[in-house]
Amino acid sequence: MLAAVRSAWALFVGLGMIMLGNGLQNSLLGIRATAEAFTTETTGWVMSGYFLGFLAGAVVTPKVVGNVGHVRVFAALASTASTAALVHAVFVDPWTWGCMRVVTGFCYAGLYIVAESWLNDRATNETRGSMLSVYMLVVLGGVAGGQFLLNLSDPNSFVLFVLASVLVSLALVPISVSVGSAPDFSAPTPVGIRALFRASPLGVVGSWGTGVSNGALFSMGAVYAGLIGLEVSQIAVFVGMVIIGGMAFQWPIGRLSDKLDRRRVLAGVTFSAAFIGFVAPIFSGGNLIGLYAIAFLLGGMSFPMYSLCLAHTNDYLTPKQMVAASGTLMLVNGTGAIFGPIVISQLMGRIGPDGFFILIGIVHAAIGVFALYRMARRASVPLREQGPSIPVATSLNAPTATLPMDAYRDHRDRDLAAMAVGSRPRR
């Protein structure tokens, strides 16, 4: 495992820099938008542009890579994303920022696709699970670490925008000089949403709702913290705790869903997120420790939800369908993420900052109610036939699911082989 990670050190370093820049820039824009007197509703529209560009980049980039090549595409996207970060500092205008968010989302989607395809090429069936775990730590750890870079300078200056730009530019260096030959890349063709909904209604609805919730949580968290009067250092801790919570709970929740009826775990997790969202306004009046704890728990319950929805959907699919289905679910999740910042900003504009938590609570409660409905409509998959839950990134930070789906497929193939000889499959 260590040898496999060492062989991909340049990729992990590059990804870490990309995620540091992404985490810094996202929260910086929320803080700066509030300081520039953008309305909450306007900020929501601006922030949603990232996810719109993200979906476009996830669709377009694989086709461009096939024609131009990995290194050229990565260099072009990194340069463009670096430039977009600087444009935010030069032209402080909602329309300009909205356009740059679309450009940034497009570029980041492409950067992740190229980096992940290289990482997947370096992994073997034996090391892919370990590589995925390290990848998730780098992705989420980078986003969390980016929050604390806010303390390095005044958000009202141009310095932090320059830092975000530099981080993205530097990510090009280790990847371009150390990854070796470019791998073959072929993106899976997504299956139709209608067909996927027939296979797993809860997986599709849960993925969309999770996109709404996580998109709102990730994009507007800094805005909420600023509106309730937190200082920049406190905003960094608040948003950082959300991401760290997501990191901490991914694995234990996934393991629990492998041992129990996955729908019950999914319902329990989403209802827990709803409860946390509804009680969170109690801690917005100055109890910082309580607020940080709420952020940690809310991130811990919200971010693993996409992995649960994906694993639940795969329980009703054949191994050959899983890679294609993951692409469709990612598009569904990304579409929800576009609406998340818009809807939550409208609610916050009408009822105040507490609308931030209330909407997240409502969305998760709705997912939970639908989960109970589906449990009454269809019997659960027997535990011995459930595949393993693989922690995956959502549209917040990774557009492809080729790496986790390959890991899932490897587990499933081993399970099927074990079942064929009459032994109990390992979970």
Protein backbone atom coordinates (compact mmCIF):
# COMPACT_ATOMS: atom_id res chain seq x y z
CA MET A 1 0.00 0.00 0.00
CA LEU A 2 2.80 2.44 0.95
CA ALA A 3 4.62 1.66 -2.28
CA ALA A 4 1.47 2.41 -4.28
CA VAL A 5 0.97 5.73 -2.48
CA ARG A 6 4.62 6.67 -2.98
CA SER A 7 4.31 5.96 -6.69
CA ALA A 8 1.48 8.51 -6.89
CA TRP A 9 2.94 11.12 -4.53
CA ALA A 10 2.97 13.80 -7.22
CA LEU A 11 -0.71 13.29 -7.91
CA PHE A 12 -1.59 13.56 -4.24
CA VAL A 13 0.52 16.70 -3.82
CA GLY A 14 -1.09 18.28 -6.88
CA LEU A 15 -4.59 17.34 -5.74
CA GLY A 16 -3.85 18.68 -2.27
CA MET A 17 -2.86 22.07 -3.72
CA ILE A 18 -5.95 22.13 -5.91
CA MET A 19 -8.21 21.42 -2.94
CA LEU A 20 -6.46 23.99 -0.75
CA GLY A 21 -7.10 26.59 -3.43
CA ASN A 22 -10.69 25.46 -3.90
CA GLY A 23 -11.51 25.52 -0.20
CA LEU A 24 -9.87 28.93 0.27
CA GLN A 25 -11.50 30.53 -2.74
CA ASN A 26 -14.99 29.24 -1.96
CA SER A 27 -15.11 30.61 1.59
CA LEU A 28 -13.23 33.77 0.63
CA LEU A 29 -15.92 34.65 -1.90
CA GLY A 30 -18.66 34.17 0.69
CA ILE A 31 -16.89 36.43 3.17
CA ARG A 32 -16.01 39.06 0.58
CA ALA A 33 -19.52 39.08 -0.91
CA THR A 34 -20.95 39.94 2.50
CA ALA A 35 -18.32 42.66 3.00
CA GLU A 36 -19.14 44.12 -0.44
CA ALA A 37 -22.83 44.33 0.54
CA PHE A 38 -24.04 41.74 -1.98
CA THR A 39 -27.51 40.63 -0.98
CA THR A 40 -27.77 37.08 0.30
CA GLU A 41 -29.90 36.17 -2.70
CA THR A 42 -27.30 37.55 -5.11
CA THR A 43 -24.54 35.63 -3.37
CA GLY A 44 -26.54 32.43 -3.72
CA TRP A 45 -26.82 32.91 -7.48
CA VAL A 46 -23.12 33.68 -7.75
CA MET A 47 -22.10 30.60 -5.78
CA SER A 48 -24.39 28.30 -7.77
CA GLY A 49 -22.41 29.15 -10.90
CA TYR A 50 -19.61 26.86 -9.70
CA PHE A 51 -21.82 23.79 -9.89
CA LEU A 52 -23.23 24.78 -13.28
CA GLY A 53 -19.72 25.00 -14.68
CA PHE A 54 -18.77 21.82 -12.84
CA LEU A 55 -21.42 19.78 -14.63
CA ALA A 56 -20.42 21.24 -17.98
CA GLY A 57 -16.77 20.46 -17.33
CA ALA A 58 -17.55 16.89 -16.29
CA VAL A 59 -19.34 16.34 -19.62
CA VAL A 60 -16.96 18.19 -21.94
CA THR A 61 -13.50 17.43 -20.52
CA PRO A 62 -13.37 13.67 -21.26
CA LYS A 63 -14.05 14.39 -24.94
CA VAL A 64 -11.31 17.04 -25.07
CA VAL A 65 -8.81 14.78 -23.30
CA GLY A 66 -9.32 12.17 -25.99
CA ASN A 67 -8.39 14.68 -28.70
CA VAL A 68 -5.70 16.80 -27.05
CA GLY A 69 -4.14 14.73 -24.28
CA HIS A 70 -3.96 14.80 -20.48
CA VAL A 71 -1.00 17.13 -19.93
CA ARG A 72 -2.21 19.85 -22.30
CA VAL A 73 -5.73 19.77 -20.93
CA PHE A 74 -4.51 19.90 -17.33
CA ALA A 75 -2.15 22.80 -18.08
CA ALA A 76 -4.84 24.77 -19.91
CA LEU A 77 -7.44 24.26 -17.17
CA ALA A 78 -5.02 25.07 -14.35
CA SER A 79 -3.97 28.29 -16.07
CA THR A 80 -7.57 29.29 -16.69
CA ALA A 81 -8.65 28.52 -13.11
CA SER A 82 -5.67 30.48 -11.80
CA THR A 83 -6.65 33.47 -13.95
CA ALA A 84 -10.29 33.26 -12.85
CA ALA A 85 -9.22 33.55 -9.21
CA LEU A 86 -7.38 36.80 -9.99
CA VAL A 87 -10.32 38.23 -11.94
CA HIS A 88 -12.41 38.06 -8.75
CA ALA A 89 -9.95 40.43 -7.09
CA VAL A 90 -9.85 42.90 -9.98
CA PHE A 91 -13.56 43.12 -10.84
CA VAL A 92 -15.71 43.06 -7.70
CA ASP A 93 -19.06 42.71 -9.39
CA PRO A 94 -21.78 40.02 -9.02
CA TRP A 95 -22.08 39.42 -12.76
CA THR A 96 -18.33 39.06 -13.20
CA TRP A 97 -18.07 36.82 -10.16
CA GLY A 98 -20.94 34.67 -11.38
CA CYS A 99 -19.27 34.16 -14.75
CA MET A 100 -15.95 33.39 -13.08
CA ARG A 101 -17.60 30.84 -10.82
CA VAL A 102 -18.90 29.04 -13.90
CA VAL A 103 -15.40 29.12 -15.40
CA THR A 104 -13.87 27.93 -12.11
CA GLY A 105 -16.31 25.05 -11.78
CA PHE A 106 -15.63 23.98 -15.37
CA CYS A 107 -11.87 24.04 -14.82
CA TYR A 108 -11.93 22.21 -11.51
CA ALA A 109 -14.10 19.44 -12.94
CA GLY A 110 -11.55 18.92 -15.69
CA LEU A 111 -8.60 19.05 -13.31
CA TYR A 112 -10.15 16.34 -11.13
CA ILE A 113 -10.96 14.15 -14.12
CA VAL A 114 -7.39 14.27 -15.42
CA ALA A 115 -5.83 13.73 -11.99
CA GLU A 116 -8.20 10.91 -11.08
CA SER A 117 -7.66 9.10 -14.37
CA TRP A 118 -3.92 9.08 -13.68
CA LEU A 119 -4.51 7.89 -10.13
CA ASN A 120 -6.81 5.14 -11.31
CA ASP A 121 -4.17 4.05 -13.82
CA ARG A 122 -1.58 3.75 -11.03
CA ALA A 123 -3.89 1.65 -8.82
CA THR A 124 -4.21 -2.14 -9.01
CA ASN A 125 -7.04 -4.34 -7.81
CA GLU A 126 -5.12 -4.94 -4.60
CA THR A 127 -4.24 -1.29 -3.89
CA ARG A 128 -7.25 0.56 -5.28
CA GLY A 129 -9.17 0.61 -1.99
CA SER A 130 -6.19 1.99 -0.09
CA MET A 131 -5.48 4.55 -2.80
CA LEU A 132 -9.11 5.65 -2.64
CA SER A 133 -8.89 6.14 1.13
CA VAL A 134 -5.80 8.31 0.76
CA TYR A 135 -7.46 10.18 -2.10
CA MET A 136 -10.49 11.00 0.05
CA LEU A 137 -8.28 12.21 2.89
CA VAL A 138 -6.36 14.46 0.49
CA VAL A 139 -9.55 15.85 -1.11
CA LEU A 140 -11.49 16.60 2.06
CA GLY A 141 -8.38 17.48 4.07
CA GLY A 142 -7.37 19.99 1.41
CA VAL A 143 -10.78 21.66 1.46
CA ALA A 144 -10.70 21.82 5.27
CA GLY A 145 -7.13 23.15 5.29
CA GLY A 146 -8.05 25.84 2.79
CA GLN A 147 -10.37 27.39 5.37
CA PHE A 148 -7.49 28.19 7.70
CA LEU A 149 -5.58 29.99 4.96
CA LEU A 150 -8.20 32.72 5.40
CA ASN A 151 -6.24 33.85 8.46
CA LEU A 152 -3.14 34.72 6.43
CA SER A 153 -4.39 38.09 5.20
CA ASP A 154 -7.30 40.51 5.17
CA PRO A 155 -10.13 39.05 3.03
CA ASN A 156 -10.89 42.56 1.79
CA SER A 157 -7.52 42.74 0.05
CA PHE A 158 -6.38 40.95 -3.09
CA VAL A 159 -3.75 38.81 -1.32
CA LEU A 160 -5.89 35.74 -0.65
CA PHE A 161 -7.16 35.69 -4.23
CA VAL A 162 -3.54 35.68 -5.36
CA LEU A 163 -2.78 32.83 -2.95
CA ALA A 164 -5.65 30.75 -4.35
CA SER A 165 -4.35 31.44 -7.84
CA VAL A 166 -0.80 30.44 -6.89
CA LEU A 167 -1.92 27.17 -5.32
CA VAL A 168 -3.79 26.10 -8.45
CA SER A 169 -0.84 27.07 -10.65
CA LEU A 170 1.64 25.17 -8.49
CA ALA A 171 -0.50 22.04 -8.70
CA LEU A 172 0.55 21.82 -12.34
CA VAL A 173 4.22 21.38 -11.45
CA PRO A 174 4.34 17.97 -9.68
CA ILE A 175 1.67 16.42 -11.88
CA SER A 176 3.17 17.55 -15.17
CA VAL A 177 6.75 16.48 -14.41
CA SER A 178 6.26 13.29 -12.38
CA VAL A 179 3.23 11.29 -13.50
CA GLY A 180 4.97 9.57 -16.41
CA SER A 181 3.05 8.40 -19.44
CA ALA A 182 -0.56 9.42 -19.76
CA PRO A 183 -3.10 6.64 -19.28
CA ASP A 184 -5.91 5.69 -21.60
CA PHE A 185 -9.13 7.36 -20.56
CA SER A 186 -12.67 6.52 -21.49
CA ALA A 187 -15.56 8.04 -19.57
CA PRO A 188 -18.55 5.79 -18.97
CA THR A 189 -21.74 6.71 -20.78
CA PRO A 190 -24.38 7.45 -18.11
CA VAL A 191 -27.53 5.38 -18.08
CA GLY A 192 -30.85 7.20 -18.39
CA ILE A 193 -32.27 8.81 -15.27
CA ARG A 194 -35.66 7.21 -15.89
CA ALA A 195 -34.15 3.72 -16.03
CA LEU A 196 -32.11 4.41 -12.91
CA PHE A 197 -35.16 5.73 -11.08
CA ARG A 198 -37.03 2.53 -11.88
CA ALA A 199 -34.14 0.53 -10.42
CA SER A 200 -33.73 2.66 -7.29
CA PRO A 201 -36.12 5.59 -6.66
CA LEU A 202 -34.54 6.26 -3.26
CA GLY A 203 -31.04 6.37 -4.72
CA VAL A 204 -32.03 9.00 -7.28
CA VAL A 205 -34.14 11.14 -4.94
CA GLY A 206 -31.56 10.86 -2.18
CA SER A 207 -28.72 11.84 -4.51
CA TRP A 208 -30.59 14.92 -5.73
CA GLY A 209 -31.58 15.99 -2.22
CA THR A 210 -28.06 15.40 -0.97
CA GLY A 211 -26.79 17.64 -3.76
CA VAL A 212 -29.15 20.41 -2.67
CA SER A 213 -28.12 20.10 0.97
CA ASN A 214 -24.37 19.70 0.48
CA GLY A 215 -24.23 22.36 -2.22
CA ALA A 216 -25.92 24.80 0.15
CA LEU A 217 -23.77 23.75 3.10
CA PHE A 218 -20.50 24.05 1.20
CA SER A 219 -21.26 27.25 -0.73
CA MET A 220 -23.13 29.33 1.84
CA GLY A 221 -21.51 28.20 5.09
CA ALA A 222 -19.09 31.15 5.16
CA VAL A 223 -21.92 33.54 4.27
CA TYR A 224 -24.03 32.27 7.16
CA ALA A 225 -21.11 32.54 9.58
CA GLY A 226 -20.43 36.11 8.46
CA LEU A 227 -24.07 37.13 8.83
CA ILE A 228 -24.19 36.00 12.46
CA GLY A 229 -21.13 38.11 13.22
CA LEU A 230 -18.27 35.61 13.35
CA GLU A 231 -14.76 36.89 12.71
CA VAL A 232 -12.67 35.53 9.86
CA SER A 233 -10.76 33.12 12.11
CA GLN A 234 -14.03 31.85 13.54
CA ILE A 235 -15.55 31.45 10.07
CA ALA A 236 -12.55 29.34 9.10
CA VAL A 237 -13.11 27.05 12.09
CA PHE A 238 -16.86 26.80 11.43
CA VAL A 239 -16.52 25.78 7.78
CA GLY A 240 -13.51 23.61 8.57
CA MET A 241 -15.49 21.68 11.19
CA VAL A 242 -18.18 20.92 8.60
CA ILE A 243 -15.61 19.32 6.29
CA ILE A 244 -13.76 17.54 9.11
CA GLY A 245 -17.06 16.08 10.31
CA GLY A 246 -17.64 14.69 6.83
CA MET A 247 -14.20 13.08 6.92
CA ALA A 248 -14.70 11.59 10.38
CA PHE A 249 -18.06 9.93 9.73
CA GLN A 250 -17.58 8.62 6.17
CA TRP A 251 -15.97 5.33 7.09
CA PRO A 252 -17.99 4.34 10.21
CA ILE A 253 -21.32 5.13 8.55
CA GLY A 254 -20.30 3.18 5.46
CA ARG A 255 -19.27 0.20 7.55
CA LEU A 256 -22.52 0.33 9.49
CA SER A 257 -24.51 0.28 6.26
CA ASP A 258 -22.62 -2.86 5.19
CA LYS A 259 -23.72 -4.71 8.31
CA LEU A 260 -27.36 -3.52 8.56
CA ASP A 261 -30.25 -2.86 6.19
CA ARG A 262 -28.78 0.02 4.19
CA ARG A 263 -32.09 1.85 3.89
CA ARG A 264 -32.47 1.91 7.67
CA VAL A 265 -29.00 3.38 8.04
CA LEU A 266 -29.70 5.91 5.28
CA ALA A 267 -32.96 6.94 6.94
CA GLY A 268 -31.31 7.19 10.36
CA VAL A 269 -28.46 9.33 9.05
CA THR A 270 -30.65 11.72 7.07
CA PHE A 271 -33.13 12.12 9.95
CA SER A 272 -30.17 12.82 12.25
CA ALA A 273 -29.01 15.54 9.84
CA ALA A 274 -32.54 16.96 9.80
CA PHE A 275 -32.70 17.03 13.59
CA ILE A 276 -29.32 18.76 13.82
CA GLY A 277 -30.44 21.33 11.25
CA PHE A 278 -33.63 22.12 13.15
CA VAL A 279 -31.92 22.54 16.55
CA ALA A 280 -28.87 24.38 15.19
CA PRO A 281 -30.41 27.90 15.42
CA ILE A 282 -30.29 27.52 19.20
CA PHE A 283 -26.49 27.77 19.02
CA SER A 284 -26.30 30.76 16.69
CA GLY A 285 -26.58 33.28 19.51
CA GLY A 286 -22.97 33.29 20.65
CA ASN A 287 -22.25 29.75 21.89
CA LEU A 288 -19.19 29.16 19.69
CA ILE A 289 -18.30 25.72 21.05
CA GLY A 290 -21.87 24.56 20.50
CA LEU A 291 -21.90 26.05 17.01
CA TYR A 292 -18.65 24.29 16.08
CA ALA A 293 -20.01 21.01 17.44
CA ILE A 294 -23.19 21.46 15.38
CA ALA A 295 -21.10 22.14 12.27
CA PHE A 296 -19.04 18.99 12.88
CA LEU A 297 -22.09 16.79 13.38
CA LEU A 298 -24.01 18.29 10.48
CA GLY A 299 -21.11 17.72 8.11
CA GLY A 300 -20.71 14.23 9.54
CA MET A 301 -24.32 13.34 8.77
CA SER A 302 -24.67 15.22 5.48
CA PHE A 303 -21.54 14.43 3.46
CA PRO A 304 -21.66 10.59 3.78
CA MET A 305 -25.21 10.59 2.42
CA TYR A 306 -24.13 10.51 -1.23
CA SER A 307 -22.01 7.41 -0.66
CA LEU A 308 -25.01 5.74 1.00
CA CYS A 309 -27.29 6.63 -1.91
CA LEU A 310 -24.76 5.32 -4.41
CA ALA A 311 -24.22 2.08 -2.48
CA HIS A 312 -27.98 1.58 -2.12
CA THR A 313 -28.48 2.09 -5.85
CA ASN A 314 -25.73 -0.39 -6.67
CA ASP A 315 -27.49 -3.02 -4.55
CA TYR A 316 -30.13 -3.17 -7.29
CA LEU A 317 -27.74 -3.17 -10.27
CA THR A 318 -25.46 -5.68 -11.94
CA PRO A 319 -21.69 -5.07 -11.81
CA LYS A 320 -21.71 -4.07 -15.49
CA GLN A 321 -24.28 -1.33 -14.81
CA MET A 322 -22.51 0.25 -11.83
CA VAL A 323 -19.94 2.45 -13.56
CA ALA A 324 -22.52 3.88 -15.97
CA ALA A 325 -25.03 4.41 -13.17
CA SER A 326 -22.47 6.27 -11.06
CA GLY A 327 -22.11 8.84 -13.83
CA THR A 328 -25.86 9.42 -13.90
CA LEU A 329 -26.09 9.75 -10.13
CA MET A 330 -23.23 12.27 -10.19
CA LEU A 331 -25.16 14.39 -12.70
CA VAL A 332 -28.28 14.13 -10.53
CA ASN A 333 -26.27 15.15 -7.46
CA GLY A 334 -24.66 18.03 -9.33
CA THR A 335 -28.01 19.32 -10.54
CA GLY A 336 -29.23 19.43 -6.96
CA ALA A 337 -26.06 21.28 -5.95
CA ILE A 338 -26.87 24.04 -8.46
CA PHE A 339 -30.20 24.69 -6.75
CA GLY A 340 -28.83 24.44 -3.20
CA PRO A 341 -27.14 27.88 -2.94
CA ILE A 342 -30.01 29.58 -4.79
CA VAL A 343 -32.81 28.18 -2.63
CA ILE A 344 -30.98 28.58 0.68
CA SER A 345 -30.03 32.19 -0.12
CA GLN A 346 -33.65 33.02 -0.86
CA LEU A 347 -34.73 31.56 2.47
CA MET A 348 -31.94 33.33 4.35
CA GLY A 349 -32.91 36.60 2.68
CA ARG A 350 -36.48 36.27 3.91
CA ILE A 351 -36.20 34.83 7.42
CA GLY A 352 -32.59 35.61 8.29
CA PRO A 353 -29.40 33.56 8.76
CA ASP A 354 -31.22 30.72 10.53
CA GLY A 355 -32.74 29.83 7.17
CA PHE A 356 -29.35 28.24 6.43
CA PHE A 357 -29.90 25.40 8.87
CA ILE A 358 -33.66 25.22 8.40
CA LEU A 359 -33.46 24.42 4.69
CA ILE A 360 -30.84 21.73 5.27
CA GLY A 361 -33.11 20.24 7.93
CA ILE A 362 -36.13 20.31 5.61
CA VAL A 363 -34.25 18.64 2.74
CA HIS A 364 -32.92 15.84 4.91
CA ALA A 365 -36.30 15.31 6.56
CA ALA A 366 -37.87 14.97 3.10
CA ILE A 367 -35.26 12.37 2.10
CA GLY A 368 -35.98 10.46 5.30
CA VAL A 369 -39.73 10.47 4.73
CA PHE A 370 -39.23 9.19 1.19
CA ALA A 371 -36.91 6.49 2.53
CA LEU A 372 -39.63 5.29 4.92
CA TYR A 373 -42.11 5.28 2.03
CA ARG A 374 -39.79 3.15 -0.12
CA MET A 375 -39.18 0.76 2.79
CA ALA A 376 -42.92 0.18 2.93
CA ARG A 377 -43.13 -0.38 -0.82
CA ARG A 378 -40.28 -2.84 -1.40
CA ALA A 379 -38.44 -5.45 0.61
CA SER A 380 -34.81 -4.78 1.42
CA VAL A 381 -31.90 -6.50 -0.29
CA PRO A 382 -30.62 -9.43 1.82
CA LEU A 383 -27.51 -8.46 3.75
CA ARG A 384 -25.40 -11.14 2.06
CA GLU A 385 -26.22 -9.59 -1.33
CA GLN A 386 -25.38 -6.02 -0.36
CA GLY A 387 -22.18 -4.70 -1.88
CA PRO A 388 -19.69 -2.72 0.20
CA SER A 389 -20.21 0.99 0.75
CA ILE A 390 -17.33 2.88 -0.87
CA PRO A 391 -16.68 6.46 0.33
CA VAL A 392 -16.90 8.77 -2.69
CA ALA A 393 -16.64 12.50 -3.24
CA THR A 394 -19.74 14.33 -4.37
CA SER A 395 -20.07 17.01 -6.99
CA LEU A 396 -18.58 19.39 -4.41
CA ASN A 397 -15.10 18.24 -5.26
CA ALA A 398 -14.89 15.34 -7.72
CA PRO A 399 -16.92 14.76 -10.86
CA THR A 400 -15.97 11.19 -11.67
CA ALA A 401 -16.70 7.96 -9.92
CA THR A 402 -14.36 5.73 -11.91
CA LEU A 403 -11.99 5.18 -9.03
CA PRO A 404 -14.59 4.29 -6.39
CA MET A 405 -16.63 2.30 -8.86
CA ASP A 406 -13.64 0.24 -9.86
CA ALA A 407 -13.05 -0.43 -6.19
CA TYR A 408 -16.68 -1.38 -5.78
CA ARG A 409 -16.52 -3.64 -8.81
CA ASP A 410 -13.42 -5.36 -7.47
CA HIS A 411 -15.16 -6.06 -4.16
CA ARG A 412 -18.29 -7.27 -5.92
CA ASP A 413 -16.35 -9.55 -8.26
CA ARG A 414 -14.57 -11.14 -5.30
CA ASP A 415 -17.89 -11.59 -3.53
CA LEU A 416 -19.50 -13.23 -6.54
CA ALA A 417 -16.54 -15.57 -6.90
CA ALA A 418 -16.76 -16.49 -3.23
CA MET A 419 -20.49 -17.13 -3.50
CA ALA A 420 -19.90 -19.35 -6.52
CA VAL A 421 -17.77 -21.72 -4.48
CA GLY A 422 -20.21 -21.66 -1.56
CA SER A 423 -18.23 -19.58 0.91
CA ARG A 424 -19.47 -16.54 2.76
CA PRO A 425 -18.41 -13.31 0.97
CA ARG A 426 -16.31 -10.92 2.97
CA ARG A 427 -17.83 -7.49 3.65
